[in-house]
C-alpha atoms as a PDB file:
ATOM      1  CA  MET A   1       0.000   0.000   0.000  1.00  0.00           C
ATOM      2  CA  PHE A   2       2.699   2.494   0.983  1.00  0.00           C
ATOM      3  CA  LYS A   3       5.282   1.242  -1.517  1.00  0.00           C
ATOM      4  CA  GLU A   4       3.596   2.925  -4.482  1.00  0.00           C
ATOM      5  CA  ARG A   5       2.980   6.123  -2.504  1.00  0.00           C
ATOM      6  CA  ASN A   6       6.634   6.183  -1.454  1.00  0.00           C
ATOM      7  CA  ARG A   7       7.778   5.642  -5.054  1.00  0.00           C
ATOM      8  CA  GLN A   8       5.622   8.592  -6.104  1.00  0.00           C
ATOM      9  CA  ILE A   9       7.046  10.694  -3.266  1.00  0.00           C
ATOM     10  CA  VAL A  10      10.551   9.994  -4.585  1.00  0.00           C
ATOM     11  CA  ARG A  11       9.414  10.914  -8.123  1.00  0.00           C
ATOM     12  CA  ASP A  12       7.852  14.152  -6.893  1.00  0.00           C
ATOM     13  CA  TYR A  13      11.011  15.106  -5.029  1.00  0.00           C
ATOM     14  CA  LYS A  14      13.239  14.227  -7.984  1.00  0.00           C
ATOM     15  CA  SER A  15      10.967  16.259 -10.266  1.00  0.00           C
ATOM     16  CA  GLY A  16      11.941  19.357  -8.310  1.00  0.00           C
ATOM     17  CA  LEU A  17       9.448  19.706  -5.480  1.00  0.00           C
ATOM     18  CA  THR A  18      10.826  20.570  -2.063  1.00  0.00           C
ATOM     19  CA  LEU A  19      10.424  18.325   0.978  1.00  0.00           C
ATOM     20  CA  ARG A  20       7.775  20.699   2.283  1.00  0.00           C
ATOM     21  CA  GLN A  21       5.886  20.752  -1.017  1.00  0.00           C
ATOM     22  CA  VAL A  22       5.937  16.955  -1.249  1.00  0.00           C
ATOM     23  CA  GLY A  23       4.660  16.838   2.331  1.00  0.00           C
ATOM     24  CA  GLU A  24       1.795  19.198   1.517  1.00  0.00           C
ATOM     25  CA  LYS A  25       0.850  17.186  -1.550  1.00  0.00           C
ATOM     26  CA  TRP A  26       0.771  13.882   0.344  1.00  0.00           C
ATOM     27  CA  SER A  27      -0.438  15.302   3.674  1.00  0.00           C
ATOM     28  CA  LEU A  28       2.776  14.279   5.401  1.00  0.00           C
ATOM     29  CA  SER A  29       5.147  16.213   7.602  1.00  0.00           C
ATOM     30  CA  TYR A  30       8.434  17.534   6.279  1.00  0.00           C
ATOM     31  CA  GLU A  31      10.213  15.092   8.595  1.00  0.00           C
ATOM     32  CA  ARG A  32       8.226  12.073   7.370  1.00  0.00           C
ATOM     33  CA  VAL A  33       9.017  12.931   3.741  1.00  0.00           C
ATOM     34  CA  ARG A  34      12.703  13.256   4.684  1.00  0.00           C
ATOM     35  CA  GLN A  35      12.571   9.829   6.382  1.00  0.00           C
ATOM     36  CA  ILE A  36      10.924   8.189   3.367  1.00  0.00           C
ATOM     37  CA  LEU A  37      13.524   9.633   1.016  1.00  0.00           C
ATOM     38  CA  HIS A  38      16.336   8.547   3.354  1.00  0.00           C
ATOM     39  CA  LEU A  39      14.953   4.983   3.546  1.00  0.00           C
ATOM     40  CA  ARG A  40      14.859   4.889  -0.258  1.00  0.00           C
ATOM     41  CA  GLY A  41      18.459   6.101  -0.514  1.00  0.00           C
ATOM     42  CA  VAL A  42      17.646   9.591  -1.808  1.00  0.00           C
ATOM     43  CA  ARG A  43      20.058  12.286  -0.626  1.00  0.00           C
ATOM     44  CA  PRO A  44      18.444  15.629   0.238  1.00  0.00           C
ATOM     45  CA  ARG A  45      19.407  18.541  -1.990  1.00  0.00           C
ATOM     46  CA  THR A  46      21.755  21.165  -0.691  1.00  0.00           C
ATOM     47  CA  VAL A  47      20.380  24.715  -0.497  1.00  0.00           C
ATOM     48  CA  SER A  48      22.447  25.591  -3.552  1.00  0.00           C
ATOM     49  CA  GLU A  49      21.144  22.599  -5.537  1.00  0.00           C
ATOM     50  CA  ALA A  50      17.560  23.419  -4.551  1.00  0.00           C
ATOM     51  CA  SER A  51      17.927  27.044  -5.592  1.00  0.00           C
ATOM     52  CA  ASN A  52      19.526  26.149  -8.937  1.00  0.00           C
ATOM     53  CA  LEU A  53      16.860  23.531  -9.648  1.00  0.00           C
ATOM     54  CA  SER A  54      14.067  25.922  -8.782  1.00  0.00           C
ATOM     55  CA  TRP A  55      15.385  28.532 -11.214  1.00  0.00           C
ATOM     56  CA  ALA A  56      16.085  25.957 -13.923  1.00  0.00           C
ATOM     57  CA  LEU A  57      12.551  24.598 -13.742  1.00  0.00           C
ATOM     58  CA  GLY A  58      11.014  28.068 -13.710  1.00  0.00           C
ATOM     59  CA  ARG A  59       9.195  27.258 -10.487  1.00  0.00           C
ATOM     60  CA  ARG A  60      10.409  30.120  -8.406  1.00  0.00           C
ATOM     61  CA  ASN A  61       6.962  31.382  -7.435  1.00  0.00           C
ATOM     62  CA  THR A  62       4.585  28.902  -9.012  1.00  0.00           C
ATOM     63  CA  ALA A  63       5.292  25.490  -7.504  1.00  0.00           C
ATOM     64  CA  LYS A  64       3.512  26.206  -4.238  1.00  0.00           C
ATOM     65  CA  GLY A  65       0.220  26.954  -5.998  1.00  0.00           C
ATOM     66  CA  ARG A  66       0.375  23.704  -7.977  1.00  0.00           C
ATOM     67  CA  VAL A  67       1.166  21.686  -4.887  1.00  0.00           C
ATOM     68  CA  ASN A  68      -1.600  23.351  -2.895  1.00  0.00           C
ATOM     69  CA  GLU A  69      -4.075  22.559  -5.668  1.00  0.00           C
ATOM     70  CA  ALA A  70      -2.932  18.929  -5.676  1.00  0.00           C
ATOM     71  CA  ALA A  71      -3.383  18.796  -1.900  1.00  0.00           C
ATOM     72  CA  ARG A  72      -6.860  20.339  -2.170  1.00  0.00           C
ATOM     73  CA  ALA A  73      -7.783  17.797  -4.860  1.00  0.00           C
ATOM     74  CA  ARG A  74      -6.704  15.009  -2.505  1.00  0.00           C
ATOM     75  CA  GLN A  75      -8.792  16.561   0.276  1.00  0.00           C
ATOM     76  CA  ARG A  76     -11.823  16.702  -2.034  1.00  0.00           C
ATOM     77  CA  GLU A  77     -11.256  13.074  -3.046  1.00  0.00           C
ATOM     78  CA  ALA A  78     -11.154  11.970   0.600  1.00  0.00           C
ATOM     79  CA  ALA A  79     -14.300  13.973   1.349  1.00  0.00           C
ATOM     80  CA  ALA A  80     -16.151  12.463  -1.621  1.00  0.00           C
ATOM     81  CA  LEU A  81     -15.212   8.936  -0.578  1.00  0.00           C
ATOM     82  CA  ARG A  82     -16.304   9.634   2.990  1.00  0.00           C
ATOM     83  CA  GLU A  83     -19.594  11.155   1.804  1.00  0.00           C
ATOM     84  CA  SER A  84     -20.209   8.017  -0.280  1.00  0.00           C
ATOM     85  CA  GLY A  85     -20.445   6.118   2.999  1.00  0.00           C
ATOM     86  CA  LEU A  86     -16.933   4.713   3.365  1.00  0.00           C
ATOM     87  CA  SER A  87     -15.347   4.591   6.817  1.00  0.00           C
ATOM     88  CA  TYR A  88     -12.109   6.432   7.568  1.00  0.00           C
ATOM     89  CA  SER A  89     -10.255   3.105   7.324  1.00  0.00           C
ATOM     90  CA  GLN A  90     -11.818   2.323   3.940  1.00  0.00           C
ATOM     91  CA  VAL A  91     -10.964   5.787   2.616  1.00  0.00           C
ATOM     92  CA  ALA A  92      -7.400   5.328   3.891  1.00  0.00           C
ATOM     93  CA  GLU A  93      -7.107   2.001   2.089  1.00  0.00           C
ATOM     94  CA  LYS A  94      -8.371   3.480  -1.197  1.00  0.00           C
ATOM     95  CA  LEU A  95      -5.988   6.455  -0.996  1.00  0.00           C
ATOM     96  CA  GLY A  96      -3.006   4.460   0.232  1.00  0.00           C
ATOM     97  CA  VAL A  97      -2.601   6.500   3.406  1.00  0.00           C
ATOM     98  CA  THR A  98      -3.210   6.005   7.118  1.00  0.00           C
ATOM     99  CA  ARG A  99      -6.496   6.591   8.891  1.00  0.00           C
ATOM    100  CA  ASN A 100      -4.928   9.579  10.695  1.00  0.00           C
ATOM    101  CA  THR A 101      -3.947  11.102   7.350  1.00  0.00           C
ATOM    102  CA  VAL A 102      -7.573  10.792   6.213  1.00  0.00           C
ATOM    103  CA  ALA A 103      -8.678  12.613   9.370  1.00  0.00           C
ATOM    104  CA  GLY A 104      -6.223  15.419   8.570  1.00  0.00           C
ATOM    105  CA  LEU A 105      -7.345  15.614   4.942  1.00  0.00           C
ATOM    106  CA  LEU A 106     -10.984  15.858   5.972  1.00  0.00           C
ATOM    107  CA  PHE A 107     -10.219  18.454   8.644  1.00  0.00           C
ATOM    108  CA  ARG A 108      -8.324  20.644   6.149  1.00  0.00           C
ATOM    109  CA  HIS A 109     -11.054  20.114   3.542  1.00  0.00           C
ATOM    110  CA  SER A 110     -13.738  21.313   5.949  1.00  0.00           C
ATOM    111  CA  SER A 111     -11.702  24.366   6.967  1.00  0.00           C
ATOM    112  CA  HIS A 112     -11.157  25.333   3.294  1.00  0.00           C
ATOM    113  CA  GLU A 113     -14.865  24.901   2.511  1.00  0.00           C
ATOM    114  CA  HIS A 114     -15.975  27.276   5.249  1.00  0.00           C
ATOM    115  CA  ARG A 115     -13.687  30.184   4.386  1.00  0.00           C
ATOM    116  CA  PRO A 116     -15.455  33.335   3.199  1.00  0.00           C
END
């Protein structure tokens, strides 16, 4: 279940996203993303490498918006599955995350929905 998610996390990081951005996308902490990358043998970028990559990819001010939209889409997906009658555990299984992650996704989804 987590193997595919972790492979995608590595792909996202290697595509140029920061640890924090990957964490936002997958509803994981910065530290958990760092641990996953470490376990998969991925060395974190230096500040210089990160800065150069960001400029090279033209993502200086745009990556955060794309990641936030991906995170919101994941929140909406979790909410739709929950509204269809699935339990938190069933939603977690479908999304390949933990039950606690589902709770966080649904909490953030509800707080975004109620903003003016």
